[in-house]
Amino acid sequence: MKYLALGFALLFVVFAAVQYNDPDPQVWVPIYGFAALACLLAVVGFGGRPVPSWFYWLMTVVYLGAAISQWPPAFEGFLLNEVGMKTMNIELARESGGLAICALAMGLMAWLGRKVV
């Protein structure tokens, strides 16, 4: 679990770093930063104790709910081979996808750390 958590933490740091040219980085940098911090806490714990799995289950629900609410009205794809916002639907799909990746990571942290009450 340690390497998976560190891998996700690094991924979310990269996600946060590429938000510098986003129209609303003040929203997305903390979202990805919190996900990175949560993954690091899965490795080192909090206050010398492991983080309870319910915290990660809760974050899974929060990120998944945000991903669903962010889903575009008309899906036009992600256009991952191009940089920049082409249409609002593509931007919403990308944002929803990022939130879904956060939800997946939090779900994995919850599942793998489920022995902790």
C-alpha atoms as a PDB file:
ATOM      1  CA  MET A   1       0.000   0.000   0.000  1.00  0.00           C
ATOM      2  CA  LYS A   2       2.884   2.350   0.790  1.00  0.00           C
ATOM      3  CA  TYR A   3       4.126   2.519  -2.805  1.00  0.00           C
ATOM      4  CA  LEU A   4       0.637   2.902  -4.221  1.00  0.00           C
ATOM      5  CA  ALA A   5      -0.106   5.744  -1.804  1.00  0.00           C
ATOM      6  CA  LEU A   6       3.199   7.458  -2.628  1.00  0.00           C
ATOM      7  CA  GLY A   7       2.511   7.044  -6.347  1.00  0.00           C
ATOM      8  CA  PHE A   8      -0.907   8.632  -6.019  1.00  0.00           C
ATOM      9  CA  ALA A   9       0.537  11.431  -3.858  1.00  0.00           C
ATOM     10  CA  LEU A  10       3.085  12.209  -6.556  1.00  0.00           C
ATOM     11  CA  LEU A  11       0.389  12.088  -9.248  1.00  0.00           C
ATOM     12  CA  PHE A  12      -1.767  14.574  -7.331  1.00  0.00           C
ATOM     13  CA  VAL A  13       1.174  16.907  -6.801  1.00  0.00           C
ATOM     14  CA  VAL A  14       1.693  16.886 -10.578  1.00  0.00           C
ATOM     15  CA  PHE A  15      -2.056  17.463 -11.088  1.00  0.00           C
ATOM     16  CA  ALA A  16      -1.875  20.467  -8.738  1.00  0.00           C
ATOM     17  CA  ALA A  17       1.253  21.807 -10.435  1.00  0.00           C
ATOM     18  CA  VAL A  18      -0.320  21.864 -13.910  1.00  0.00           C
ATOM     19  CA  GLN A  19      -3.219  23.978 -12.650  1.00  0.00           C
ATOM     20  CA  TYR A  20      -1.126  27.166 -12.874  1.00  0.00           C
ATOM     21  CA  ASN A  21      -2.687  28.088 -16.217  1.00  0.00           C
ATOM     22  CA  ASP A  22      -6.218  27.010 -15.301  1.00  0.00           C
ATOM     23  CA  PRO A  23      -8.880  29.746 -15.099  1.00  0.00           C
ATOM     24  CA  ASP A  24      -9.586  28.749 -11.464  1.00  0.00           C
ATOM     25  CA  PRO A  25      -6.405  27.335  -9.890  1.00  0.00           C
ATOM     26  CA  GLN A  26      -7.532  28.507  -6.444  1.00  0.00           C
ATOM     27  CA  VAL A  27     -10.160  25.756  -6.613  1.00  0.00           C
ATOM     28  CA  TRP A  28      -8.164  22.908  -8.145  1.00  0.00           C
ATOM     29  CA  VAL A  29      -4.784  23.231  -6.435  1.00  0.00           C
ATOM     30  CA  PRO A  30      -6.340  22.664  -2.971  1.00  0.00           C
ATOM     31  CA  ILE A  31      -8.479  19.793  -4.289  1.00  0.00           C
ATOM     32  CA  TYR A  32      -5.451  17.930  -5.635  1.00  0.00           C
ATOM     33  CA  GLY A  33      -3.249  19.095  -2.770  1.00  0.00           C
ATOM     34  CA  PHE A  34      -5.643  17.617  -0.233  1.00  0.00           C
ATOM     35  CA  ALA A  35      -5.711  14.328  -2.157  1.00  0.00           C
ATOM     36  CA  ALA A  36      -1.882  14.271  -2.141  1.00  0.00           C
ATOM     37  CA  LEU A  37      -1.824  14.983   1.597  1.00  0.00           C
ATOM     38  CA  ALA A  38      -4.395  12.260   2.285  1.00  0.00           C
ATOM     39  CA  CYS A  39      -2.268   9.745   0.367  1.00  0.00           C
ATOM     40  CA  LEU A  40       0.833  10.769   2.320  1.00  0.00           C
ATOM     41  CA  LEU A  41      -1.106  10.366   5.569  1.00  0.00           C
ATOM     42  CA  ALA A  42      -1.923   6.799   4.520  1.00  0.00           C
ATOM     43  CA  VAL A  43       1.828   6.138   4.647  1.00  0.00           C
ATOM     44  CA  VAL A  44       2.977   8.113   7.698  1.00  0.00           C
ATOM     45  CA  GLY A  45      -0.215   8.349   9.735  1.00  0.00           C
ATOM     46  CA  PHE A  46      -1.431  11.311  11.740  1.00  0.00           C
ATOM     47  CA  GLY A  47      -0.039  12.073  15.152  1.00  0.00           C
ATOM     48  CA  GLY A  48       1.784   8.758  15.250  1.00  0.00           C
ATOM     49  CA  ARG A  49      -1.408   6.799  14.600  1.00  0.00           C
ATOM     50  CA  PRO A  50      -2.820   5.408  11.358  1.00  0.00           C
ATOM     51  CA  VAL A  51      -5.597   7.371   9.697  1.00  0.00           C
ATOM     52  CA  PRO A  52      -8.907   5.492  10.133  1.00  0.00           C
ATOM     53  CA  SER A  53     -10.342   3.932   7.010  1.00  0.00           C
ATOM     54  CA  TRP A  54     -13.673   5.755   7.494  1.00  0.00           C
ATOM     55  CA  PHE A  55     -11.853   9.001   6.641  1.00  0.00           C
ATOM     56  CA  TYR A  56     -10.906   7.608   3.230  1.00  0.00           C
ATOM     57  CA  TRP A  57     -14.391   6.200   2.663  1.00  0.00           C
ATOM     58  CA  LEU A  58     -15.817   9.642   3.414  1.00  0.00           C
ATOM     59  CA  MET A  59     -13.362  11.280   1.014  1.00  0.00           C
ATOM     60  CA  THR A  60     -14.284   8.696  -1.639  1.00  0.00           C
ATOM     61  CA  VAL A  61     -17.932   9.730  -1.360  1.00  0.00           C
ATOM     62  CA  VAL A  62     -17.066  13.447  -1.429  1.00  0.00           C
ATOM     63  CA  TYR A  63     -14.786  13.172  -4.477  1.00  0.00           C
ATOM     64  CA  LEU A  64     -17.205  10.846  -6.285  1.00  0.00           C
ATOM     65  CA  GLY A  65     -20.122  13.189  -5.621  1.00  0.00           C
ATOM     66  CA  ALA A  66     -18.074  16.117  -6.927  1.00  0.00           C
ATOM     67  CA  ALA A  67     -17.101  14.123 -10.031  1.00  0.00           C
ATOM     68  CA  ILE A  68     -20.730  13.315 -10.771  1.00  0.00           C
ATOM     69  CA  SER A  69     -21.865  16.892 -10.232  1.00  0.00           C
ATOM     70  CA  GLN A  70     -19.057  18.191 -12.464  1.00  0.00           C
ATOM     71  CA  TRP A  71     -19.957  15.880 -15.384  1.00  0.00           C
ATOM     72  CA  PRO A  72     -20.667  17.908 -18.549  1.00  0.00           C
ATOM     73  CA  PRO A  73     -24.180  18.205 -19.989  1.00  0.00           C
ATOM     74  CA  ALA A  74     -22.858  16.849 -23.313  1.00  0.00           C
ATOM     75  CA  PHE A  75     -19.762  14.641 -23.290  1.00  0.00           C
ATOM     76  CA  GLU A  76     -17.355  15.661 -26.062  1.00  0.00           C
ATOM     77  CA  GLY A  77     -14.364  13.666 -24.851  1.00  0.00           C
ATOM     78  CA  PHE A  78     -11.222  14.640 -23.000  1.00  0.00           C
ATOM     79  CA  LEU A  79      -8.913  15.511 -25.942  1.00  0.00           C
ATOM     80  CA  LEU A  80      -5.880  14.498 -23.914  1.00  0.00           C
ATOM     81  CA  ASN A  81      -3.535  15.057 -26.851  1.00  0.00           C
ATOM     82  CA  GLU A  82      -4.133  18.812 -26.770  1.00  0.00           C
ATOM     83  CA  VAL A  83      -3.430  21.435 -24.144  1.00  0.00           C
ATOM     84  CA  GLY A  84      -5.922  24.137 -23.301  1.00  0.00           C
ATOM     85  CA  MET A  85      -9.654  24.339 -23.011  1.00  0.00           C
ATOM     86  CA  LYS A  86     -11.331  23.700 -26.357  1.00  0.00           C
ATOM     87  CA  THR A  87     -14.936  23.726 -25.148  1.00  0.00           C
ATOM     88  CA  MET A  88     -16.614  23.991 -21.755  1.00  0.00           C
ATOM     89  CA  ASN A  89     -17.849  20.389 -22.030  1.00  0.00           C
ATOM     90  CA  ILE A  90     -14.298  19.127 -22.532  1.00  0.00           C
ATOM     91  CA  GLU A  91     -13.078  21.184 -19.575  1.00  0.00           C
ATOM     92  CA  LEU A  92     -15.884  19.817 -17.379  1.00  0.00           C
ATOM     93  CA  ALA A  93     -15.096  16.264 -18.490  1.00  0.00           C
ATOM     94  CA  ARG A  94     -11.431  16.743 -17.592  1.00  0.00           C
ATOM     95  CA  GLU A  95     -12.337  18.180 -14.190  1.00  0.00           C
ATOM     96  CA  SER A  96     -14.787  15.349 -13.568  1.00  0.00           C
ATOM     97  CA  GLY A  97     -12.133  12.821 -14.587  1.00  0.00           C
ATOM     98  CA  GLY A  98      -9.614  14.315 -12.165  1.00  0.00           C
ATOM     99  CA  LEU A  99     -12.141  14.141  -9.346  1.00  0.00           C
ATOM    100  CA  ALA A 100     -12.938  10.530 -10.267  1.00  0.00           C
ATOM    101  CA  ILE A 101      -9.217   9.681 -10.053  1.00  0.00           C
ATOM    102  CA  CYS A 102      -9.170  11.279  -6.589  1.00  0.00           C
ATOM    103  CA  ALA A 103     -12.198   9.169  -5.613  1.00  0.00           C
ATOM    104  CA  LEU A 104     -10.490   6.025  -6.918  1.00  0.00           C
ATOM    105  CA  ALA A 105      -7.339   6.770  -4.920  1.00  0.00           C
ATOM    106  CA  MET A 106      -9.293   7.484  -1.731  1.00  0.00           C
ATOM    107  CA  GLY A 107     -11.298   4.286  -2.231  1.00  0.00           C
ATOM    108  CA  LEU A 108      -8.101   2.285  -2.605  1.00  0.00           C
ATOM    109  CA  MET A 109      -6.624   3.880   0.520  1.00  0.00           C
ATOM    110  CA  ALA A 110      -9.837   2.983   2.401  1.00  0.00           C
ATOM    111  CA  TRP A 111      -9.911  -0.570   1.078  1.00  0.00           C
ATOM    112  CA  LEU A 112      -6.248  -1.285   1.711  1.00  0.00           C
ATOM    113  CA  GLY A 113      -6.341   0.363   5.140  1.00  0.00           C
ATOM    114  CA  ARG A 114      -9.648  -1.158   6.232  1.00  0.00           C
ATOM    115  CA  LYS A 115      -8.090  -2.943   9.231  1.00  0.00           C
ATOM    116  CA  VAL A 116      -7.805   0.444  10.934  1.00  0.00           C
ATOM    117  CA  VAL A 117     -11.060   1.384  12.660  1.00  0.00           C
END
